[in-house]
């Protein structure tokens, strides 16, 4: 019969290993790419290549050029994606109430 303390220790080690794996980024055994080429950026952003090309030519999205090749920094794309936040209805109503109360003070 196996020692119950060894069994408990073995299970704790298994749990600890699972927790450590959860805290690591899921990269499926590969490093997370920090600089994306055009095709990778198109897939990452879920945009068609023509849309992404138009956005780069109009300089609406942060990118780098090396000759004719276009590259994107993943961190800059993430910042760009979260740059324009849509306010909630409550936030808009609070802002409107603040604006109206300030207007009344200056009349």
PDB file of N, CA and C in Angstrom:
ATOM      1  N   UNK A   1       0.842  -1.187   0.000  1.00  0.00           N
ATOM      2  CA  UNK A   1       0.000   0.000   0.000  1.00  0.00           C
ATOM      3  C   UNK A   1       0.884   1.246   0.000  1.00  0.00           C
ATOM      4  N   UNK A   2       0.475   2.223  -0.797  1.00  0.00           N
ATOM      5  CA  UNK A   2       1.275   3.436  -0.950  1.00  0.00           C
ATOM      6  C   UNK A   2       1.073   4.366   0.254  1.00  0.00           C
ATOM      7  N   UNK A   3       2.129   5.067   0.618  1.00  0.00           N
ATOM      8  CA  UNK A   3       2.088   6.002   1.727  1.00  0.00           C
ATOM      9  C   UNK A   3       1.128   7.150   1.366  1.00  0.00           C
ATOM     10  N   UNK A   4       0.123   7.445   2.207  1.00  0.00           N
ATOM     11  CA  UNK A   4      -0.849   8.503   1.878  1.00  0.00           C
ATOM     12  C   UNK A   4      -0.196   9.887   1.779  1.00  0.00           C
ATOM     13  N   UNK A   5       0.858  10.111   2.527  1.00  0.00           N
ATOM     14  CA  UNK A   5       1.530  11.408   2.478  1.00  0.00           C
ATOM     15  C   UNK A   5       2.257  11.594   1.142  1.00  0.00           C
ATOM     16  N   UNK A   6       2.811  10.511   0.625  1.00  0.00           N
ATOM     17  CA  UNK A   6       3.459  10.591  -0.685  1.00  0.00           C
ATOM     18  C   UNK A   6       2.426  10.858  -1.775  1.00  0.00           C
ATOM     19  N   UNK A   7       1.262  10.240  -1.652  1.00  0.00           N
ATOM     20  CA  UNK A   7       0.180  10.455  -2.611  1.00  0.00           C
ATOM     21  C   UNK A   7      -0.280  11.914  -2.583  1.00  0.00           C
ATOM     22  N   UNK A   8      -0.426  12.464  -1.393  1.00  0.00           N
ATOM     23  CA  UNK A   8      -0.828  13.870  -1.252  1.00  0.00           C
ATOM     24  C   UNK A   8       0.239  14.791  -1.852  1.00  0.00           C
ATOM     25  N   UNK A   9       1.511  14.509  -1.561  1.00  0.00           N
ATOM     26  CA  UNK A   9       2.605  15.313  -2.094  1.00  0.00           C
ATOM     27  C   UNK A   9       2.631  15.238  -3.628  1.00  0.00           C
ATOM     28  N   UNK A  10       2.406  14.067  -4.165  1.00  0.00           N
ATOM     29  CA  UNK A  10       2.394  13.883  -5.615  1.00  0.00           C
ATOM     30  C   UNK A  10       1.260  14.698  -6.254  1.00  0.00           C
ATOM     31  N   UNK A  11       0.087  14.661  -5.643  1.00  0.00           N
ATOM     32  CA  UNK A  11      -1.048  15.433  -6.166  1.00  0.00           C
ATOM     33  C   UNK A  11      -0.809  16.933  -6.049  1.00  0.00           C
ATOM     34  N   UNK A  12      -0.207  17.370  -4.959  1.00  0.00           N
ATOM     35  CA  UNK A  12       0.110  18.792  -4.802  1.00  0.00           C
ATOM     36  C   UNK A  12       1.096  19.252  -5.875  1.00  0.00           C
ATOM     37  N   UNK A  13       2.090  18.435  -6.181  1.00  0.00           N
ATOM     38  CA  UNK A  13       3.042  18.776  -7.235  1.00  0.00           C
ATOM     39  C   UNK A  13       2.358  18.880  -8.590  1.00  0.00           C
ATOM     40  N   UNK A  14       1.421  17.977  -8.844  1.00  0.00           N
ATOM     41  CA  UNK A  14       0.666  18.026 -10.094  1.00  0.00           C
ATOM     42  C   UNK A  14      -0.163  19.303 -10.173  1.00  0.00           C
ATOM     43  N   UNK A  15      -0.820  19.671  -9.095  1.00  0.00           N
ATOM     44  CA  UNK A  15      -1.625  20.900  -9.051  1.00  0.00           C
ATOM     45  C   UNK A  15      -0.741  22.122  -9.252  1.00  0.00           C
ATOM     46  N   UNK A  16       0.413  22.135  -8.598  1.00  0.00           N
ATOM     47  CA  UNK A  16       1.343  23.260  -8.743  1.00  0.00           C
ATOM     48  C   UNK A  16       1.807  23.406 -10.187  1.00  0.00           C
ATOM     49  N   UNK A  17       2.100  22.302 -10.851  1.00  0.00           N
ATOM     50  CA  UNK A  17       2.527  22.347 -12.254  1.00  0.00           C
ATOM     51  C   UNK A  17       1.409  22.883 -13.144  1.00  0.00           C
ATOM     52  N   UNK A  18       0.187  22.480 -12.884  1.00  0.00           N
ATOM     53  CA  UNK A  18      -0.955  22.976 -13.669  1.00  0.00           C
ATOM     54  C   UNK A  18      -1.150  24.469 -13.478  1.00  0.00           C
ATOM     55  N   UNK A  19      -1.018  24.943 -12.249  1.00  0.00           N
ATOM     56  CA  UNK A  19      -1.161  26.376 -11.971  1.00  0.00           C
ATOM     57  C   UNK A  19      -0.060  27.167 -12.660  1.00  0.00           C
ATOM     58  N   UNK A  20       1.161  26.669 -12.634  1.00  0.00           N
ATOM     59  CA  UNK A  20       2.269  27.346 -13.313  1.00  0.00           C
ATOM     60  C   UNK A  20       2.034  27.422 -14.813  1.00  0.00           C
ATOM     61  N   UNK A  21       1.472  26.376 -15.406  1.00  0.00           N
ATOM     62  CA  UNK A  21       1.177  26.386 -16.837  1.00  0.00           C
ATOM     63  C   UNK A  21       0.075  27.376 -17.180  1.00  0.00           C
ATOM     64  N   UNK A  22      -0.887  27.562 -16.274  1.00  0.00           N
ATOM     65  CA  UNK A  22      -1.959  28.523 -16.518  1.00  0.00           C
ATOM     66  C   UNK A  22      -1.454  29.955 -16.513  1.00  0.00           C
ATOM     67  N   UNK A  23      -0.449  30.234 -15.709  1.00  0.00           N
ATOM     68  CA  UNK A  23       0.057  31.605 -15.599  1.00  0.00           C
ATOM     69  C   UNK A  23       0.943  31.998 -16.772  1.00  0.00           C
ATOM     70  N   UNK A  24       1.404  31.020 -17.562  1.00  0.00           N
ATOM     71  CA  UNK A  24       2.228  31.322 -18.730  1.00  0.00           C
ATOM     72  C   UNK A  24       1.341  31.634 -19.919  1.00  0.00           C
ATOM     73  N   UNK A  25       1.763  32.551 -20.828  1.00  0.00           N
ATOM     74  CA  UNK A  25       0.952  32.828 -22.011  1.00  0.00           C
ATOM     75  C   UNK A  25       0.838  31.594 -22.890  1.00  0.00           C
ATOM     76  N   UNK A  26      -0.338  31.418 -23.467  1.00  0.00           N
ATOM     77  CA  UNK A  26      -0.582  30.269 -24.335  1.00  0.00           C
ATOM     78  C   UNK A  26       0.013  30.547 -25.701  1.00  0.00           C
ATOM     79  N   UNK A  27       1.178  30.020 -25.959  1.00  0.00           N
ATOM     80  CA  UNK A  27       1.832  30.252 -27.239  1.00  0.00           C
ATOM     81  C   UNK A  27       2.018  28.955 -28.014  1.00  0.00           C
ATOM     82  N   UNK A  28       1.359  27.880 -27.556  1.00  0.00           N
ATOM     83  CA  UNK A  28       1.403  26.586 -28.226  1.00  0.00           C
ATOM     84  C   UNK A  28       2.831  26.144 -28.525  1.00  0.00           C
ATOM     85  N   UNK A  29       3.710  26.295 -27.557  1.00  0.00           N
ATOM     86  CA  UNK A  29       5.081  25.842 -27.720  1.00  0.00           C
ATOM     87  C   UNK A  29       5.949  26.780 -28.532  1.00  0.00           C
ATOM     88  N   UNK A  30       5.423  27.913 -28.949  1.00  0.00           N
ATOM     89  CA  UNK A  30       6.188  28.881 -29.729  1.00  0.00           C
ATOM     90  C   UNK A  30       6.266  30.188 -28.948  1.00  0.00           C
ATOM     91  N   UNK A  31       7.296  30.974 -29.276  1.00  0.00           N
ATOM     92  CA  UNK A  31       7.381  32.304 -28.674  1.00  0.00           C
ATOM     93  C   UNK A  31       6.332  33.197 -29.303  1.00  0.00           C
ATOM     94  N   UNK A  32       5.824  34.142 -28.530  1.00  0.00           N
ATOM     95  CA  UNK A  32       4.876  35.108 -29.075  1.00  0.00           C
ATOM     96  C   UNK A  32       5.661  36.092 -29.927  1.00  0.00           C
ATOM     97  N   UNK A  33       5.221  36.259 -31.156  1.00  0.00           N
ATOM     98  CA  UNK A  33       5.915  37.125 -32.107  1.00  0.00           C
ATOM     99  C   UNK A  33       5.605  38.579 -31.756  1.00  0.00           C
ATOM    100  N   UNK A  34       6.654  39.396 -31.620  1.00  0.00           N
ATOM    101  CA  UNK A  34       6.474  40.796 -31.255  1.00  0.00           C
ATOM    102  C   UNK A  34       6.343  41.709 -32.472  1.00  0.00           C
ATOM    103  N   UNK A  35       6.971  41.330 -33.577  1.00  0.00           N
ATOM    104  CA  UNK A  35       6.877  42.112 -34.812  1.00  0.00           C
ATOM    105  C   UNK A  35       6.177  41.252 -35.849  1.00  0.00           C
ATOM    106  N   UNK A  36       5.096  41.789 -36.409  1.00  0.00           N
ATOM    107  CA  UNK A  36       4.278  41.034 -37.359  1.00  0.00           C
ATOM    108  C   UNK A  36       4.504  41.541 -38.775  1.00  0.00           C
ATOM    109  N   UNK A  37       4.509  40.622 -39.733  1.00  0.00           N
ATOM    110  CA  UNK A  37       4.536  41.050 -41.125  1.00  0.00           C
ATOM    111  C   UNK A  37       3.104  41.367 -41.552  1.00  0.00           C
ATOM    112  N   UNK A  38       2.934  41.738 -42.796  1.00  0.00           N
ATOM    113  CA  UNK A  38       1.631  42.192 -43.267  1.00  0.00           C
ATOM    114  C   UNK A  38       0.562  41.105 -43.121  1.00  0.00           C
ATOM    115  N   UNK A  39       0.881  39.886 -43.551  1.00  0.00           N
ATOM    116  CA  UNK A  39      -0.092  38.792 -43.475  1.00  0.00           C
ATOM    117  C   UNK A  39      -0.460  38.459 -42.033  1.00  0.00           C
ATOM    118  N   UNK A  40       0.530  38.434 -41.158  1.00  0.00           N
ATOM    119  CA  UNK A  40       0.278  38.130 -39.745  1.00  0.00           C
ATOM    120  C   UNK A  40      -0.593  39.207 -39.106  1.00  0.00           C
ATOM    121  N   UNK A  41      -0.322  40.463 -39.442  1.00  0.00           N
ATOM    122  CA  UNK A  41      -1.111  41.566 -38.884  1.00  0.00           C
ATOM    123  C   UNK A  41      -2.541  41.506 -39.387  1.00  0.00           C
ATOM    124  N   UNK A  42      -2.716  41.150 -40.639  1.00  0.00           N
ATOM    125  CA  UNK A  42      -4.052  41.021 -41.205  1.00  0.00           C
ATOM    126  C   UNK A  42      -4.851  39.961 -40.457  1.00  0.00           C
ATOM    127  N   UNK A  43      -4.233  38.824 -40.172  1.00  0.00           N
ATOM    128  CA  UNK A  43      -4.906  37.755 -39.424  1.00  0.00           C
ATOM    129  C   UNK A  43      -5.136  38.175 -37.975  1.00  0.00           C
ATOM    130  N   UNK A  44      -4.142  38.815 -37.362  1.00  0.00           N
ATOM    131  CA  UNK A  44      -4.244  39.226 -35.958  1.00  0.00           C
ATOM    132  C   UNK A  44      -5.394  40.210 -35.755  1.00  0.00           C
ATOM    133  N   UNK A  45      -5.568  41.133 -36.712  1.00  0.00           N
ATOM    134  CA  UNK A  45      -6.605  42.156 -36.597  1.00  0.00           C
ATOM    135  C   UNK A  45      -7.936  41.714 -37.197  1.00  0.00           C
ATOM    136  N   UNK A  46      -7.950  40.561 -37.839  1.00  0.00           N
ATOM    137  CA  UNK A  46      -9.140  40.068 -38.543  1.00  0.00           C
ATOM    138  C   UNK A  46      -9.613  41.068 -39.590  1.00  0.00           C
ATOM    139  N   UNK A  47      -8.669  41.604 -40.331  1.00  0.00           N
ATOM    140  CA  UNK A  47      -8.966  42.543 -41.403  1.00  0.00           C
ATOM    141  C   UNK A  47      -8.521  41.931 -42.731  1.00  0.00           C
ATOM    142  N   UNK A  48      -9.224  42.290 -43.799  1.00  0.00           N
ATOM    143  CA  UNK A  48      -8.776  41.832 -45.106  1.00  0.00           C
ATOM    144  C   UNK A  48      -7.475  42.550 -45.453  1.00  0.00           C
ATOM    145  N   UNK A  49      -6.709  41.965 -46.340  1.00  0.00           N
ATOM    146  CA  UNK A  49      -5.437  42.573 -46.726  1.00  0.00           C
ATOM    147  C   UNK A  49      -5.665  43.914 -47.413  1.00  0.00           C
ATOM    148  N   UNK A  50      -6.728  44.021 -48.208  1.00  0.00           N
ATOM    149  CA  UNK A  50      -6.992  45.293 -48.893  1.00  0.00           C
ATOM    150  C   UNK A  50      -7.348  46.391 -47.895  1.00  0.00           C
ATOM    151  N   UNK A  51      -8.110  46.042 -46.853  1.00  0.00           N
ATOM    152  CA  UNK A  51      -8.455  47.033 -45.824  1.00  0.00           C
ATOM    153  C   UNK A  51      -7.204  47.476 -45.071  1.00  0.00           C
ATOM    154  N   UNK A  52      -6.368  46.515 -44.713  1.00  0.00           N
ATOM    155  CA  UNK A  52      -5.135  46.853 -43.998  1.00  0.00           C
ATOM    156  C   UNK A  52      -4.209  47.687 -44.873  1.00  0.00           C
ATOM    157  N   UNK A  53      -4.113  47.358 -46.160  1.00  0.00           N
ATOM    158  CA  UNK A  53      -3.278  48.137 -47.068  1.00  0.00           C
ATOM    159  C   UNK A  53      -3.785  49.572 -47.154  1.00  0.00           C
ATOM    160  N   UNK A  54      -5.104  49.747 -47.255  1.00  0.00           N
ATOM    161  CA  UNK A  54      -5.683  51.090 -47.319  1.00  0.00           C
ATOM    162  C   UNK A  54      -5.374  51.871 -46.037  1.00  0.00           C
ATOM    163  N   UNK A  55      -5.478  51.204 -44.890  1.00  0.00           N
ATOM    164  CA  UNK A  55      -5.215  51.872 -43.619  1.00  0.00           C
ATOM    165  C   UNK A  55      -3.752  52.297 -43.503  1.00  0.00           C
ATOM    166  N   UNK A  56      -2.833  51.469 -44.015  1.00  0.00           N
ATOM    167  CA  UNK A  56      -1.421  51.853 -43.957  1.00  0.00           C
ATOM    168  C   UNK A  56      -1.122  52.973 -44.936  1.00  0.00           C
ATOM    169  N   UNK A  57      -1.722  52.928 -46.111  1.00  0.00           N
ATOM    170  CA  UNK A  57      -1.449  53.980 -47.100  1.00  0.00           C
ATOM    171  C   UNK A  57      -2.025  55.324 -46.658  1.00  0.00           C
ATOM    172  N   UNK A  58      -3.121  55.287 -45.899  1.00  0.00           N
ATOM    173  CA  UNK A  58      -3.711  56.528 -45.366  1.00  0.00           C
ATOM    174  C   UNK A  58      -3.105  56.915 -44.020  1.00  0.00           C
ATOM    175  N   UNK A  59      -2.151  56.106 -43.544  1.00  0.00           N
ATOM    176  CA  UNK A  59      -1.461  56.323 -42.272  1.00  0.00           C
ATOM    177  C   UNK A  59      -2.421  56.379 -41.084  1.00  0.00           C
ATOM    178  N   UNK A  60      -3.401  55.491 -41.099  1.00  0.00           N
ATOM    179  CA  UNK A  60      -4.383  55.404 -40.015  1.00  0.00           C
ATOM    180  C   UNK A  60      -4.023  54.358 -38.975  1.00  0.00           C
ATOM    181  N   UNK A  61      -2.988  53.588 -39.234  1.00  0.00           N
ATOM    182  CA  UNK A  61      -2.592  52.519 -38.335  1.00  0.00           C
ATOM    183  C   UNK A  61      -1.067  52.555 -38.184  1.00  0.00           C
ATOM    184  N   UNK A  62      -0.531  52.372 -36.981  1.00  0.00           N
ATOM    185  CA  UNK A  62       0.925  52.441 -36.801  1.00  0.00           C
ATOM    186  C   UNK A  62       1.622  51.275 -37.507  1.00  0.00           C
ATOM    187  N   UNK A  63       2.650  51.594 -38.279  1.00  0.00           N
ATOM    188  CA  UNK A  63       3.390  50.560 -39.000  1.00  0.00           C
ATOM    189  C   UNK A  63       4.794  51.043 -39.323  1.00  0.00           C
ATOM    190  N   UNK A  64       5.626  50.121 -39.803  1.00  0.00           N
ATOM    191  CA  UNK A  64       7.000  50.405 -40.196  1.00  0.00           C
ATOM    192  C   UNK A  64       7.202  49.892 -41.610  1.00  0.00           C
ATOM    193  N   UNK A  65       8.092  50.537 -42.336  1.00  0.00           N
ATOM    194  CA  UNK A  65       8.400  50.077 -43.685  1.00  0.00           C
ATOM    195  C   UNK A  65       9.898  49.849 -43.821  1.00  0.00           C
ATOM    196  N   UNK A  66      10.246  48.749 -44.448  1.00  0.00           N
ATOM    197  CA  UNK A  66      11.617  48.431 -44.838  1.00  0.00           C
ATOM    198  C   UNK A  66      11.560  48.135 -46.318  1.00  0.00           C
ATOM    199  N   UNK A  67      11.936  49.121 -47.104  1.00  0.00           N
ATOM    200  CA  UNK A  67      11.788  48.963 -48.551  1.00  0.00           C
ATOM    201  C   UNK A  67      10.306  48.915 -48.874  1.00  0.00           C
ATOM    202  N   UNK A  68       9.881  47.849 -49.532  1.00  0.00           N
ATOM    203  CA  UNK A  68       8.468  47.701 -49.867  1.00  0.00           C
ATOM    204  C   UNK A  68       7.706  46.861 -48.846  1.00  0.00           C
ATOM    205  N   UNK A  69       8.414  46.339 -47.862  1.00  0.00           N
ATOM    206  CA  UNK A  69       7.778  45.483 -46.861  1.00  0.00           C
ATOM    207  C   UNK A  69       7.242  46.305 -45.693  1.00  0.00           C
ATOM    208  N   UNK A  70       6.093  45.895 -45.178  1.00  0.00           N
ATOM    209  CA  UNK A  70       5.420  46.598 -44.086  1.00  0.00           C
ATOM    210  C   UNK A  70       5.403  45.687 -42.860  1.00  0.00           C
ATOM    211  N   UNK A  71       5.731  46.256 -41.693  1.00  0.00           N
ATOM    212  CA  UNK A  71       5.755  45.511 -40.442  1.00  0.00           C
ATOM    213  C   UNK A  71       4.946  46.258 -39.388  1.00  0.00           C
ATOM    214  N   UNK A  72       4.519  45.524 -38.389  1.00  0.00           N
ATOM    215  CA  UNK A  72       3.711  46.079 -37.310  1.00  0.00           C
ATOM    216  C   UNK A  72       4.223  45.544 -35.985  1.00  0.00           C
ATOM    217  N   UNK A  73       4.250  46.403 -34.959  1.00  0.00           N
ATOM    218  CA  UNK A  73       4.577  45.965 -33.605  1.00  0.00           C
ATOM    219  C   UNK A  73       3.280  45.530 -32.937  1.00  0.00           C
ATOM    220  N   UNK A  74       3.291  44.331 -32.378  1.00  0.00           N
ATOM    221  CA  UNK A  74       2.078  43.808 -31.738  1.00  0.00           C
ATOM    222  C   UNK A  74       1.579  44.762 -30.643  1.00  0.00           C
ATOM    223  N   UNK A  75       2.484  45.285 -29.829  1.00  0.00           N
ATOM    224  CA  UNK A  75       2.082  46.172 -28.726  1.00  0.00           C
ATOM    225  C   UNK A  75       1.427  47.446 -29.253  1.00  0.00           C
ATOM    226  N   UNK A  76       1.941  47.981 -30.359  1.00  0.00           N
ATOM    227  CA  UNK A  76       1.341  49.192 -30.936  1.00  0.00           C
ATOM    228  C   UNK A  76      -0.034  48.901 -31.518  1.00  0.00           C
ATOM    229  N   UNK A  77      -0.204  47.721 -32.107  1.00  0.00           N
ATOM    230  CA  UNK A  77      -1.523  47.352 -32.621  1.00  0.00           C
ATOM    231  C   UNK A  77      -2.522  47.191 -31.482  1.00  0.00           C
ATOM    232  N   UNK A  78      -2.073  46.604 -30.370  1.00  0.00           N
ATOM    233  CA  UNK A  78      -2.960  46.462 -29.213  1.00  0.00           C
ATOM    234  C   UNK A  78      -3.359  47.828 -28.673  1.00  0.00           C
ATOM    235  N   UNK A  79      -2.408  48.749 -28.582  1.00  0.00           N
ATOM    236  CA  UNK A  79      -2.724  50.110 -28.127  1.00  0.00           C
ATOM    237  C   UNK A  79      -3.671  50.794 -29.095  1.00  0.00           C
ATOM    238  N   UNK A  80      -3.436  50.623 -30.382  1.00  0.00           N
ATOM    239  CA  UNK A  80      -4.287  51.229 -31.411  1.00  0.00           C
ATOM    240  C   UNK A  80      -5.706  50.687 -31.326  1.00  0.00           C
ATOM    241  N   UNK A  81      -5.838  49.379 -31.085  1.00  0.00           N
ATOM    242  CA  UNK A  81      -7.164  48.769 -30.990  1.00  0.00           C
ATOM    243  C   UNK A  81      -7.965  49.312 -29.810  1.00  0.00           C
ATOM    244  N   UNK A  82      -7.292  49.584 -28.714  1.00  0.00           N
ATOM    245  CA  UNK A  82      -7.996  50.019 -27.500  1.00  0.00           C
ATOM    246  C   UNK A  82      -7.978  51.534 -27.322  1.00  0.00           C
ATOM    247  N   UNK A  83      -7.527  52.244 -28.327  1.00  0.00           N
ATOM    248  CA  UNK A  83      -7.370  53.696 -28.241  1.00  0.00           C
ATOM    249  C   UNK A  83      -8.704  54.432 -28.151  1.00  0.00           C
ATOM    250  N   UNK A  84      -9.648  54.056 -28.965  1.00  0.00           N
ATOM    251  CA  UNK A  84     -10.920  54.775 -29.027  1.00  0.00           C
ATOM    252  C   UNK A  84     -11.983  53.930 -28.345  1.00  0.00           C
ATOM    253  N   UNK A  85     -12.187  54.226 -27.091  1.00  0.00           N
ATOM    254  CA  UNK A  85     -13.150  53.474 -26.293  1.00  0.00           C
ATOM    255  C   UNK A  85     -14.526  54.106 -26.432  1.00  0.00           C
ATOM    256  N   UNK A  86     -15.542  53.272 -26.575  1.00  0.00           N
ATOM    257  CA  UNK A  86     -16.914  53.755 -26.654  1.00  0.00           C
ATOM    258  C   UNK A  86     -17.441  53.873 -25.233  1.00  0.00           C
ATOM    259  N   UNK A  87     -17.906  55.068 -24.909  1.00  0.00           N
ATOM    260  CA  UNK A  87     -18.403  55.307 -23.555  1.00  0.00           C
ATOM    261  C   UNK A  87     -19.767  54.645 -23.354  1.00  0.00           C
ATOM    262  N   UNK A  88     -20.039  54.275 -22.115  1.00  0.00           N
ATOM    263  CA  UNK A  88     -21.336  53.680 -21.787  1.00  0.00           C
ATOM    264  C   UNK A  88     -22.386  54.777 -21.684  1.00  0.00           C
ATOM    265  N   UNK A  89     -23.622  54.367 -21.716  1.00  0.00           N
ATOM    266  CA  UNK A  89     -24.729  55.328 -21.599  1.00  0.00           C
ATOM    267  C   UNK A  89     -24.631  56.093 -20.276  1.00  0.00           C
ATOM    268  N   UNK A  90     -24.288  55.399 -19.184  1.00  0.00           N
ATOM    269  CA  UNK A  90     -24.162  56.050 -17.877  1.00  0.00           C
ATOM    270  C   UNK A  90     -23.068  57.123 -17.889  1.00  0.00           C
ATOM    271  N   UNK A  91     -21.936  56.811 -18.512  1.00  0.00           N
ATOM    272  CA  UNK A  91     -20.840  57.784 -18.595  1.00  0.00           C
ATOM    273  C   UNK A  91     -21.269  59.029 -19.366  1.00  0.00           C
ATOM    274  N   UNK A  92     -22.002  58.838 -20.450  1.00  0.00           N
ATOM    275  CA  UNK A  92     -22.470  59.975 -21.257  1.00  0.00           C
ATOM    276  C   UNK A  92     -23.460  60.806 -20.467  1.00  0.00           C
ATOM    277  N   UNK A  93     -24.375  60.153 -19.757  1.00  0.00           N
ATOM    278  CA  UNK A  93     -25.363  60.883 -18.962  1.00  0.00           C
ATOM    279  C   UNK A  93     -24.698  61.671 -17.833  1.00  0.00           C
ATOM    280  N   UNK A  94     -23.693  61.083 -17.175  1.00  0.00           N
ATOM    281  CA  UNK A  94     -22.978  61.801 -16.117  1.00  0.00           C
ATOM    282  C   UNK A  94     -22.241  63.005 -16.683  1.00  0.00           C
ATOM    283  N   UNK A  95     -21.621  62.830 -17.838  1.00  0.00           N
ATOM    284  CA  UNK A  95     -20.909  63.934 -18.480  1.00  0.00           C
ATOM    285  C   UNK A  95     -21.876  65.050 -18.865  1.00  0.00           C
ATOM    286  N   UNK A  96     -23.051  64.683 -19.369  1.00  0.00           N
ATOM    287  CA  UNK A  96     -24.060  65.675 -19.742  1.00  0.00           C
ATOM    288  C   UNK A  96     -24.567  66.417 -18.514  1.00  0.00           C
ATOM    289  N   UNK A  97     -24.801  65.693 -17.423  1.00  0.00           N
ATOM    290  CA  UNK A  97     -25.270  66.329 -16.193  1.00  0.00           C
ATOM    291  C   UNK A  97     -24.227  67.302 -15.653  1.00  0.00           C
ATOM    292  N   UNK A  98     -22.968  66.921 -15.703  1.00  0.00           N
ATOM    293  CA  UNK A  98     -21.881  67.792 -15.256  1.00  0.00           C
ATOM    294  C   UNK A  98     -21.811  69.036 -16.132  1.00  0.00           C
ATOM    295  N   UNK A  99     -21.938  68.867 -17.428  1.00  0.00           N
ATOM    296  CA  UNK A  99     -21.898  69.995 -18.366  1.00  0.00           C
ATOM    297  C   UNK A  99     -23.042  70.963 -18.092  1.00  0.00           C
ATOM    298  N   UNK A 100     -24.244  70.424 -17.881  1.00  0.00           N
ATOM    299  CA  UNK A 100     -25.416  71.273 -17.638  1.00  0.00           C
ATOM    300  C   UNK A 100     -25.268  72.016 -16.310  1.00  0.00           C
ATOM    301  N   UNK A 101     -24.777  71.333 -15.278  1.00  0.00           N
ATOM    302  CA  UNK A 101     -24.634  72.005 -13.983  1.00  0.00           C
ATOM    303  C   UNK A 101     -23.579  73.106 -14.037  1.00  0.00           C
ATOM    304  N   UNK A 102     -22.528  72.923 -14.801  1.00  0.00           N
ATOM    305  CA  UNK A 102     -21.511  73.970 -14.961  1.00  0.00           C
ATOM    306  C   UNK A 102     -22.059  75.137 -15.763  1.00  0.00           C
ATOM    307  N   UNK A 103     -22.872  74.850 -16.771  1.00  0.00           N
ATOM    308  CA  UNK A 103     -23.460  75.907 -17.588  1.00  0.00           C
ATOM    309  C   UNK A 103     -24.336  76.821 -16.741  1.00  0.00           C
ATOM    310  N   UNK A 104     -25.131  76.205 -15.814  1.00  0.00           N
ATOM    311  CA  UNK A 104     -26.033  76.969 -14.958  1.00  0.00           C
ATOM    312  C   UNK A 104     -25.241  77.866 -14.010  1.00  0.00           C
ATOM    313  N   UNK A 105     -24.056  77.397 -13.563  1.00  0.00           N
ATOM    314  CA  UNK A 105     -23.240  78.176 -12.634  1.00  0.00           C
ATOM    315  C   UNK A 105     -22.720  79.446 -13.283  1.00  0.00           C
ATOM    316  N   UNK A 106     -22.459  79.442 -14.567  1.00  0.00           N
ATOM    317  CA  UNK A 106     -21.856  80.578 -15.233  1.00  0.00           C
ATOM    318  C   UNK A 106     -22.861  81.515 -15.859  1.00  0.00           C
ATOM    319  N   UNK A 107     -24.147  81.273 -15.674  1.00  0.00           N
ATOM    320  CA  UNK A 107     -25.174  82.196 -16.226  1.00  0.00           C
ATOM    321  C   UNK A 107     -25.406  83.364 -15.335  1.00  0.00           C
TER     322      UNK A 107
END
